[in-house]
Amino acid sequence: QVQLVESGGGLVQAGGSLRLSCAASGSFSSINVMGWYRQAPGTTQRELVAHITSGGSTNYADSVKGRFTISRDNAKNAVYLEMNSLKPEDTAVYYCKALVIRVTLQYQYWGQGTQVTVSS
C-alpha cells in the first residue's frame, strides 16, 4: 500500500504565499508523475493545478502560471507546491496525486487533501 501525506495548507490574505508539501511512503518501485489538484467549494470536480515527472518536466494550469511553482525531491519521494500572489479564487482543497510503479504496474494514489483559504 502507498500513502500520500500532505501538509502546509491554511488561511492567508490575498497576495500572500503558502507552500504545500506531499510525501509518499509505502511499498513501491518508483514514482512516475506527482501532481497537485484542487477542488473549489461547491464543485464536484478536481482540476489539475500542476504536475511534474520524475525527470523534472512540469505542466501548469493557465490560471496559476507565473504564480505557482511545483518541485520534487525524488530521494524523499516528495512533491512541493510554492504558491505566491494568492487570490481568493485559489481557495480550495488541494490534493496530491502520484502515479506509482509497483512491480511492473502503475497505480494512482491520492492524498487526503489540505485546505487552502485565501481571504480578500
C-alpha atoms as a PDB file:
ATOM      1  CA  GLN A   1       0.000   0.000   0.000  1.00  0.00           C
ATOM      2  CA  VAL A   2       1.039   3.585  -0.619  1.00  0.00           C
ATOM      3  CA  GLN A   3       0.199   6.635   1.482  1.00  0.00           C
ATOM      4  CA  LEU A   4       0.420  10.285   0.486  1.00  0.00           C
ATOM      5  CA  VAL A   5       0.531  12.790   3.332  1.00  0.00           C
ATOM      6  CA  GLU A   6       0.028  16.479   2.594  1.00  0.00           C
ATOM      7  CA  SER A   7       0.798  19.478   4.757  1.00  0.00           C
ATOM      8  CA  GLY A   8       1.085  23.226   4.508  1.00  0.00           C
ATOM      9  CA  GLY A   9      -2.442  24.445   3.890  1.00  0.00           C
ATOM     10  CA  GLY A  10      -4.025  27.265   5.814  1.00  0.00           C
ATOM     11  CA  LEU A  11      -5.577  30.713   5.765  1.00  0.00           C
ATOM     12  CA  VAL A  12      -3.783  33.549   4.014  1.00  0.00           C
ATOM     13  CA  GLN A  13      -4.676  37.004   2.759  1.00  0.00           C
ATOM     14  CA  ALA A  14      -4.831  37.767  -0.925  1.00  0.00           C
ATOM     15  CA  GLY A  15      -1.364  38.413  -2.275  1.00  0.00           C
ATOM     16  CA  GLY A  16       0.206  36.110   0.270  1.00  0.00           C
ATOM     17  CA  SER A  17       2.087  32.846  -0.120  1.00  0.00           C
ATOM     18  CA  LEU A  18       1.835  29.263   1.024  1.00  0.00           C
ATOM     19  CA  ARG A  19       3.924  26.153   0.453  1.00  0.00           C
ATOM     20  CA  LEU A  20       2.322  22.739   0.229  1.00  0.00           C
ATOM     21  CA  SER A  21       4.226  19.516   0.763  1.00  0.00           C
ATOM     22  CA  CYS A  22       3.340  15.919  -0.003  1.00  0.00           C
ATOM     23  CA  ALA A  23       5.383  12.852   0.873  1.00  0.00           C
ATOM     24  CA  ALA A  24       4.782   9.321  -0.353  1.00  0.00           C
ATOM     25  CA  SER A  25       5.516   6.259   1.720  1.00  0.00           C
ATOM     26  CA  GLY A  26       4.896   2.547   1.430  1.00  0.00           C
ATOM     27  CA  SER A  27       5.920  -0.197  -0.924  1.00  0.00           C
ATOM     28  CA  PHE A  28       6.692   0.819  -4.499  1.00  0.00           C
ATOM     29  CA  SER A  29       9.478   0.767  -7.068  1.00  0.00           C
ATOM     30  CA  SER A  30       9.312   4.345  -8.254  1.00  0.00           C
ATOM     31  CA  ILE A  31       7.007   7.290  -8.837  1.00  0.00           C
ATOM     32  CA  ASN A  32       6.379   8.480 -12.375  1.00  0.00           C
ATOM     33  CA  VAL A  33       4.360  11.644 -12.003  1.00  0.00           C
ATOM     34  CA  MET A  34       3.437  13.648  -8.928  1.00  0.00           C
ATOM     35  CA  GLY A  35       0.968  16.470  -9.019  1.00  0.00           C
ATOM     36  CA  TRP A  36      -1.448  18.768  -7.289  1.00  0.00           C
ATOM     37  CA  TYR A  37      -5.163  19.062  -7.964  1.00  0.00           C
ATOM     38  CA  ARG A  38      -7.754  21.230  -6.299  1.00  0.00           C
ATOM     39  CA  GLN A  39     -11.468  21.171  -5.680  1.00  0.00           C
ATOM     40  CA  ALA A  40     -13.123  24.521  -5.149  1.00  0.00           C
ATOM     41  CA  PRO A  41     -16.077  24.986  -2.766  1.00  0.00           C
ATOM     42  CA  GLY A  42     -19.406  23.945  -4.266  1.00  0.00           C
ATOM     43  CA  THR A  43     -17.808  21.950  -7.072  1.00  0.00           C
ATOM     44  CA  THR A  44     -17.507  18.226  -7.605  1.00  0.00           C
ATOM     45  CA  GLN A  45     -14.558  18.172  -9.996  1.00  0.00           C
ATOM     46  CA  ARG A  46     -10.890  18.223  -9.117  1.00  0.00           C
ATOM     47  CA  GLU A  47      -8.877  20.324 -11.521  1.00  0.00           C
ATOM     48  CA  LEU A  48      -5.213  19.975 -12.304  1.00  0.00           C
ATOM     49  CA  VAL A  49      -3.039  22.663 -10.744  1.00  0.00           C
ATOM     50  CA  ALA A  50       0.381  21.343 -11.755  1.00  0.00           C
ATOM     51  CA  HIS A  51       2.285  18.134 -12.222  1.00  0.00           C
ATOM     52  CA  ILE A  52       5.911  17.104 -12.517  1.00  0.00           C
ATOM     53  CA  THR A  53       7.518  13.995 -13.956  1.00  0.00           C
ATOM     54  CA  SER A  54      10.379  12.051 -12.437  1.00  0.00           C
ATOM     55  CA  GLY A  55      12.646  13.792 -14.936  1.00  0.00           C
ATOM     56  CA  GLY A  56      11.510  17.233 -13.846  1.00  0.00           C
ATOM     57  CA  SER A  57       9.176  18.197 -16.683  1.00  0.00           C
ATOM     58  CA  THR A  58       6.330  20.362 -15.452  1.00  0.00           C
ATOM     59  CA  ASN A  59       2.867  21.368 -16.562  1.00  0.00           C
ATOM     60  CA  TYR A  60       0.665  24.088 -15.057  1.00  0.00           C
ATOM     61  CA  ALA A  61      -2.927  25.166 -15.302  1.00  0.00           C
ATOM     62  CA  ASP A  62      -3.185  28.505 -17.094  1.00  0.00           C
ATOM     63  CA  SER A  63      -4.759  30.069 -14.009  1.00  0.00           C
ATOM     64  CA  VAL A  64      -1.643  29.506 -11.892  1.00  0.00           C
ATOM     65  CA  LYS A  65       1.173  30.011 -14.398  1.00  0.00           C
ATOM     66  CA  GLY A  66       3.677  32.543 -13.159  1.00  0.00           C
ATOM     67  CA  ARG A  67       2.362  32.359  -9.580  1.00  0.00           C
ATOM     68  CA  PHE A  68       2.789  28.710  -8.562  1.00  0.00           C
ATOM     69  CA  THR A  69       5.894  26.551  -8.789  1.00  0.00           C
ATOM     70  CA  ILE A  70       5.954  22.786  -8.466  1.00  0.00           C
ATOM     71  CA  SER A  71       9.098  20.945  -7.470  1.00  0.00           C
ATOM     72  CA  ARG A  72      10.030  17.495  -6.397  1.00  0.00           C
ATOM     73  CA  ASP A  73      12.636  15.639  -4.341  1.00  0.00           C
ATOM     74  CA  ASN A  74      12.936  12.127  -5.768  1.00  0.00           C
ATOM     75  CA  ALA A  75      15.149  10.959  -2.905  1.00  0.00           C
ATOM     76  CA  LYS A  76      12.420  11.874  -0.426  1.00  0.00           C
ATOM     77  CA  ASN A  77       9.517  10.831  -2.668  1.00  0.00           C
ATOM     78  CA  ALA A  78       8.113  14.274  -2.090  1.00  0.00           C
ATOM     79  CA  VAL A  79       6.478  16.992  -4.143  1.00  0.00           C
ATOM     80  CA  TYR A  80       6.027  20.642  -3.246  1.00  0.00           C
ATOM     81  CA  LEU A  81       3.845  23.490  -4.455  1.00  0.00           C
ATOM     82  CA  GLU A  82       5.027  27.031  -3.847  1.00  0.00           C
ATOM     83  CA  MET A  83       2.039  29.342  -4.190  1.00  0.00           C
ATOM     84  CA  ASN A  84       2.615  33.089  -4.499  1.00  0.00           C
ATOM     85  CA  SER A  85       0.334  36.039  -5.217  1.00  0.00           C
ATOM     86  CA  LEU A  86      -2.602  34.014  -3.977  1.00  0.00           C
ATOM     87  CA  LYS A  87      -6.099  35.081  -4.991  1.00  0.00           C
ATOM     88  CA  PRO A  88      -9.479  34.346  -3.382  1.00  0.00           C
ATOM     89  CA  GLU A  89     -10.295  32.127  -6.352  1.00  0.00           C
ATOM     90  CA  ASP A  90      -7.405  29.853  -5.331  1.00  0.00           C
ATOM     91  CA  THR A  91      -9.463  28.820  -2.302  1.00  0.00           C
ATOM     92  CA  ALA A  92      -9.944  25.058  -2.491  1.00  0.00           C
ATOM     93  CA  VAL A  93      -8.993  21.733  -1.038  1.00  0.00           C
ATOM     94  CA  TYR A  94      -5.666  20.794  -2.598  1.00  0.00           C
ATOM     95  CA  TYR A  95      -4.941  17.132  -3.244  1.00  0.00           C
ATOM     96  CA  CYS A  96      -1.649  15.454  -4.006  1.00  0.00           C
ATOM     97  CA  LYS A  97      -1.669  12.688  -6.607  1.00  0.00           C
ATOM     98  CA  ALA A  98       1.045  10.213  -7.510  1.00  0.00           C
ATOM     99  CA  LEU A  99       1.385   7.662 -10.304  1.00  0.00           C
ATOM    100  CA  VAL A 100       3.336   4.911  -8.603  1.00  0.00           C
ATOM    101  CA  ILE A 101       5.067   1.880 -10.069  1.00  0.00           C
ATOM    102  CA  ARG A 102       4.621  -1.313  -8.030  1.00  0.00           C
ATOM    103  CA  VAL A 103       6.420  -4.259  -9.629  1.00  0.00           C
ATOM    104  CA  THR A 104       5.516  -3.619 -13.302  1.00  0.00           C
ATOM    105  CA  LEU A 105       2.163  -1.890 -12.954  1.00  0.00           C
ATOM    106  CA  GLN A 106       1.257   1.760 -12.461  1.00  0.00           C
ATOM    107  CA  TYR A 107      -1.218   2.769  -9.777  1.00  0.00           C
ATOM    108  CA  GLN A 108      -2.802   6.103  -8.909  1.00  0.00           C
ATOM    109  CA  TYR A 109      -2.922   7.319  -5.329  1.00  0.00           C
ATOM    110  CA  TRP A 110      -4.402  10.425  -3.737  1.00  0.00           C
ATOM    111  CA  GLY A 111      -3.664  12.250  -0.528  1.00  0.00           C
ATOM    112  CA  GLN A 112      -6.356  13.215   1.948  1.00  0.00           C
ATOM    113  CA  GLY A 113      -6.373  16.873   0.907  1.00  0.00           C
ATOM    114  CA  THR A 114      -5.353  20.096   2.611  1.00  0.00           C
ATOM    115  CA  GLN A 115      -7.488  23.225   2.802  1.00  0.00           C
ATOM    116  CA  VAL A 116      -6.224  26.482   1.355  1.00  0.00           C
ATOM    117  CA  THR A 117      -8.313  29.555   2.063  1.00  0.00           C
ATOM    118  CA  VAL A 118      -7.446  32.959   0.602  1.00  0.00           C
ATOM    119  CA  SER A 119      -9.277  35.928   2.086  1.00  0.00           C
ATOM    120  CA  SER A 120      -9.849  39.143   0.178  1.00  0.00           C
END
